[in-house]
Amino acid sequence: MSNVIVTTGDLKQDYEILGPVYFQVSNKGLFGSALSNLKKKYVSEIKHMKNKGTMSADRADWGFLYGEWSVGQSDFESAFFIATEELKKRAEMVGADAIIAMRQDIDMDTNGFAYFYLQMYGTAVKLK
């Protein structure tokens, strides 16, 4: 995992702004999604976090019993972790030490099959 600092606020340390960084992931895909492929890449980190209790354990999604279509709610936490790690990698590519003002947006697509799209972005900075 990356050592890049990520915060939803600001830092109390001087820095130089390098520019915006962005990452998007979705659970949409006919024979596999970007999210499922990335989950394979991060399987050991996710397992370790679940064992430590810093990430929720997997739960069955029983929404179909009530006539609800699941949009992959059980994947939100993994998607957030993966998106944060991938955002850090993009920040490292531009020489950043931190990402400030990180934000996320989750959009739902419930037409037919249900999917979600997670966008994450922030400002890459170099600490002085």
C-alpha atoms as a PDB file:
ATOM      1  CA  MET A   1       0.000   0.000   0.000  1.00  0.00           C
ATOM      2  CA  SER A   2       1.088   3.529  -0.752  1.00  0.00           C
ATOM      3  CA  ASN A   3       2.427   5.998   1.818  1.00  0.00           C
ATOM      4  CA  VAL A   4       0.598   8.925   0.189  1.00  0.00           C
ATOM      5  CA  ILE A   5      -1.483  10.803   2.780  1.00  0.00           C
ATOM      6  CA  VAL A   6      -5.168  11.182   1.894  1.00  0.00           C
ATOM      7  CA  THR A   7      -7.444  13.654   3.635  1.00  0.00           C
ATOM      8  CA  THR A   8     -10.907  15.031   2.979  1.00  0.00           C
ATOM      9  CA  GLY A   9      -9.723  18.340   4.409  1.00  0.00           C
ATOM     10  CA  ASP A  10      -6.506  20.334   4.320  1.00  0.00           C
ATOM     11  CA  LEU A  11      -3.051  19.831   5.829  1.00  0.00           C
ATOM     12  CA  LYS A  12      -1.424  22.088   8.428  1.00  0.00           C
ATOM     13  CA  GLN A  13       1.847  21.766   6.538  1.00  0.00           C
ATOM     14  CA  ASP A  14       3.074  23.876   3.606  1.00  0.00           C
ATOM     15  CA  TYR A  15       2.721  22.224   0.220  1.00  0.00           C
ATOM     16  CA  GLU A  16       2.860  22.864  -3.489  1.00  0.00           C
ATOM     17  CA  ILE A  17      -0.259  22.020  -5.502  1.00  0.00           C
ATOM     18  CA  LEU A  18       0.518  19.616  -8.342  1.00  0.00           C
ATOM     19  CA  GLY A  19      -2.989  19.190  -9.743  1.00  0.00           C
ATOM     20  CA  PRO A  20      -6.114  17.072  -9.614  1.00  0.00           C
ATOM     21  CA  VAL A  21      -6.125  13.261  -9.496  1.00  0.00           C
ATOM     22  CA  TYR A  22      -9.116  11.104 -10.407  1.00  0.00           C
ATOM     23  CA  PHE A  23     -10.137   7.450 -10.369  1.00  0.00           C
ATOM     24  CA  GLN A  24     -13.369   5.701 -11.340  1.00  0.00           C
ATOM     25  CA  VAL A  25     -14.499   2.120 -10.824  1.00  0.00           C
ATOM     26  CA  SER A  26     -17.749   0.257 -11.441  1.00  0.00           C
ATOM     27  CA  ASN A  27     -19.248  -3.137 -10.747  1.00  0.00           C
ATOM     28  CA  LYS A  28     -20.769  -3.137 -14.258  1.00  0.00           C
ATOM     29  CA  GLY A  29     -19.621  -5.828 -16.636  1.00  0.00           C
ATOM     30  CA  LEU A  30     -21.042  -8.807 -18.462  1.00  0.00           C
ATOM     31  CA  PHE A  31     -18.252 -11.295 -17.729  1.00  0.00           C
ATOM     32  CA  GLY A  32     -16.482  -9.385 -14.979  1.00  0.00           C
ATOM     33  CA  SER A  33     -16.192  -5.797 -13.948  1.00  0.00           C
ATOM     34  CA  ALA A  34     -13.321  -3.407 -13.345  1.00  0.00           C
ATOM     35  CA  LEU A  35     -14.143  -3.729  -9.642  1.00  0.00           C
ATOM     36  CA  SER A  36     -14.021  -7.538  -9.623  1.00  0.00           C
ATOM     37  CA  ASN A  37     -10.682  -7.465 -11.477  1.00  0.00           C
ATOM     38  CA  LEU A  38      -9.241  -4.960  -8.981  1.00  0.00           C
ATOM     39  CA  LYS A  39     -10.597  -6.971  -6.021  1.00  0.00           C
ATOM     40  CA  LYS A  40      -8.394  -9.843  -7.216  1.00  0.00           C
ATOM     41  CA  LYS A  41      -5.399  -7.487  -7.186  1.00  0.00           C
ATOM     42  CA  TYR A  42      -6.133  -6.336  -3.613  1.00  0.00           C
ATOM     43  CA  VAL A  43      -7.418  -9.659  -2.239  1.00  0.00           C
ATOM     44  CA  SER A  44      -4.737 -10.024   0.455  1.00  0.00           C
ATOM     45  CA  GLU A  45      -5.107  -6.417   1.714  1.00  0.00           C
ATOM     46  CA  ILE A  46      -8.906  -6.710   1.846  1.00  0.00           C
ATOM     47  CA  LYS A  47      -8.703 -10.070   3.646  1.00  0.00           C
ATOM     48  CA  HIS A  48      -6.224  -8.611   6.158  1.00  0.00           C
ATOM     49  CA  MET A  49      -8.486  -5.609   6.848  1.00  0.00           C
ATOM     50  CA  LYS A  50     -11.532  -7.860   7.332  1.00  0.00           C
ATOM     51  CA  ASN A  51      -9.575 -10.065   9.742  1.00  0.00           C
ATOM     52  CA  LYS A  52      -8.489  -6.996  11.743  1.00  0.00           C
ATOM     53  CA  GLY A  53     -12.044  -5.669  11.801  1.00  0.00           C
ATOM     54  CA  THR A  54     -11.151  -2.470   9.925  1.00  0.00           C
ATOM     55  CA  MET A  55     -13.435  -3.556   7.070  1.00  0.00           C
ATOM     56  CA  SER A  56     -16.823  -5.240   7.390  1.00  0.00           C
ATOM     57  CA  ALA A  57     -17.055  -8.964   6.814  1.00  0.00           C
ATOM     58  CA  ASP A  58     -18.793 -10.171   3.668  1.00  0.00           C
ATOM     59  CA  ARG A  59     -22.552 -10.474   4.008  1.00  0.00           C
ATOM     60  CA  ALA A  60     -25.104 -12.062   1.740  1.00  0.00           C
ATOM     61  CA  ASP A  61     -27.358  -9.607  -0.060  1.00  0.00           C
ATOM     62  CA  TRP A  62     -30.906 -10.834   0.469  1.00  0.00           C
ATOM     63  CA  GLY A  63     -32.656  -7.953  -1.337  1.00  0.00           C
ATOM     64  CA  PHE A  64     -33.911 -10.263  -4.088  1.00  0.00           C
ATOM     65  CA  LEU A  65     -36.205 -11.958  -1.537  1.00  0.00           C
ATOM     66  CA  TYR A  66     -38.100  -8.694  -1.174  1.00  0.00           C
ATOM     67  CA  GLY A  67     -38.248  -8.000  -4.903  1.00  0.00           C
ATOM     68  CA  GLU A  68     -35.367  -5.514  -4.739  1.00  0.00           C
ATOM     69  CA  TRP A  69     -32.496  -5.405  -7.200  1.00  0.00           C
ATOM     70  CA  SER A  70     -29.140  -5.167  -5.495  1.00  0.00           C
ATOM     71  CA  VAL A  71     -26.744  -2.511  -6.746  1.00  0.00           C
ATOM     72  CA  GLY A  72     -23.813  -4.207  -5.039  1.00  0.00           C
ATOM     73  CA  GLN A  73     -24.059  -2.530  -1.648  1.00  0.00           C
ATOM     74  CA  SER A  74     -21.824  -5.227  -0.198  1.00  0.00           C
ATOM     75  CA  ASP A  75     -19.090  -4.018  -2.585  1.00  0.00           C
ATOM     76  CA  PHE A  76     -19.157  -0.337  -1.560  1.00  0.00           C
ATOM     77  CA  GLU A  77     -16.571  -0.683   1.200  1.00  0.00           C
ATOM     78  CA  SER A  78     -14.151  -2.663  -0.978  1.00  0.00           C
ATOM     79  CA  ALA A  79     -14.702  -0.228  -3.850  1.00  0.00           C
ATOM     80  CA  PHE A  80     -13.890   2.721  -1.567  1.00  0.00           C
ATOM     81  CA  PHE A  81     -10.664   1.072  -0.350  1.00  0.00           C
ATOM     82  CA  ILE A  82      -9.597   0.120  -3.887  1.00  0.00           C
ATOM     83  CA  ALA A  83     -10.409   3.565  -5.295  1.00  0.00           C
ATOM     84  CA  THR A  84      -8.399   5.230  -2.515  1.00  0.00           C
ATOM     85  CA  GLU A  85      -5.379   3.013  -3.216  1.00  0.00           C
ATOM     86  CA  GLU A  86      -5.618   3.609  -6.971  1.00  0.00           C
ATOM     87  CA  LEU A  87      -5.967   7.361  -6.393  1.00  0.00           C
ATOM     88  CA  LYS A  88      -2.784   7.263  -4.306  1.00  0.00           C
ATOM     89  CA  LYS A  89      -0.971   5.542  -7.203  1.00  0.00           C
ATOM     90  CA  ARG A  90      -2.025   8.310  -9.560  1.00  0.00           C
ATOM     91  CA  ALA A  91      -0.781  10.897  -7.078  1.00  0.00           C
ATOM     92  CA  GLU A  92       2.579   9.089  -6.856  1.00  0.00           C
ATOM     93  CA  MET A  93       2.854   9.243 -10.664  1.00  0.00           C
ATOM     94  CA  VAL A  94       2.927  13.045 -10.496  1.00  0.00           C
ATOM     95  CA  GLY A  95       5.330  13.092  -7.515  1.00  0.00           C
ATOM     96  CA  ALA A  96       2.777  13.842  -4.786  1.00  0.00           C
ATOM     97  CA  ASP A  97       3.159  13.168  -1.092  1.00  0.00           C
ATOM     98  CA  ALA A  98      -0.508  13.737  -0.275  1.00  0.00           C
ATOM     99  CA  ILE A  99      -4.018  14.186  -1.641  1.00  0.00           C
ATOM    100  CA  ILE A 100      -6.104  16.926  -0.062  1.00  0.00           C
ATOM    101  CA  ALA A 101      -9.832  17.640  -0.359  1.00  0.00           C
ATOM    102  CA  MET A 102     -10.559  14.072  -1.470  1.00  0.00           C
ATOM    103  CA  ARG A 103     -14.172  13.567  -2.509  1.00  0.00           C
ATOM    104  CA  GLN A 104     -16.214  10.649  -3.772  1.00  0.00           C
ATOM    105  CA  ASP A 105     -19.449  10.209  -5.646  1.00  0.00           C
ATOM    106  CA  ILE A 106     -21.459   7.015  -6.055  1.00  0.00           C
ATOM    107  CA  ASP A 107     -23.998   6.876  -8.867  1.00  0.00           C
ATOM    108  CA  MET A 108     -26.561   4.098  -9.163  1.00  0.00           C
ATOM    109  CA  ASP A 109     -27.818   2.612 -12.414  1.00  0.00           C
ATOM    110  CA  THR A 110     -30.973   0.628 -11.662  1.00  0.00           C
ATOM    111  CA  ASN A 111     -32.260   0.206 -15.240  1.00  0.00           C
ATOM    112  CA  GLY A 112     -32.442  -3.530 -15.888  1.00  0.00           C
ATOM    113  CA  PHE A 113     -29.559  -4.939 -13.892  1.00  0.00           C
ATOM    114  CA  ALA A 114     -28.376  -2.719 -11.067  1.00  0.00           C
ATOM    115  CA  TYR A 115     -24.861  -1.287 -11.030  1.00  0.00           C
ATOM    116  CA  PHE A 116     -22.941   1.428  -9.262  1.00  0.00           C
ATOM    117  CA  TYR A 117     -20.181   3.775 -10.369  1.00  0.00           C
ATOM    118  CA  LEU A 118     -17.725   5.237  -7.869  1.00  0.00           C
ATOM    119  CA  GLN A 119     -15.734   8.340  -8.773  1.00  0.00           C
ATOM    120  CA  MET A 120     -13.009   9.593  -6.442  1.00  0.00           C
ATOM    121  CA  TYR A 121     -10.923  12.728  -6.853  1.00  0.00           C
ATOM    122  CA  GLY A 122      -8.737  15.170  -4.957  1.00  0.00           C
ATOM    123  CA  THR A 123      -5.809  17.547  -5.264  1.00  0.00           C
ATOM    124  CA  ALA A 124      -2.315  16.063  -5.394  1.00  0.00           C
ATOM    125  CA  VAL A 125       0.249  18.064  -3.398  1.00  0.00           C
ATOM    126  CA  LYS A 126       4.000  17.938  -2.723  1.00  0.00           C
ATOM    127  CA  LEU A 127       4.936  18.664   0.905  1.00  0.00           C
ATOM    128  CA  LYS A 128       7.593  21.351   1.463  1.00  0.00           C
END
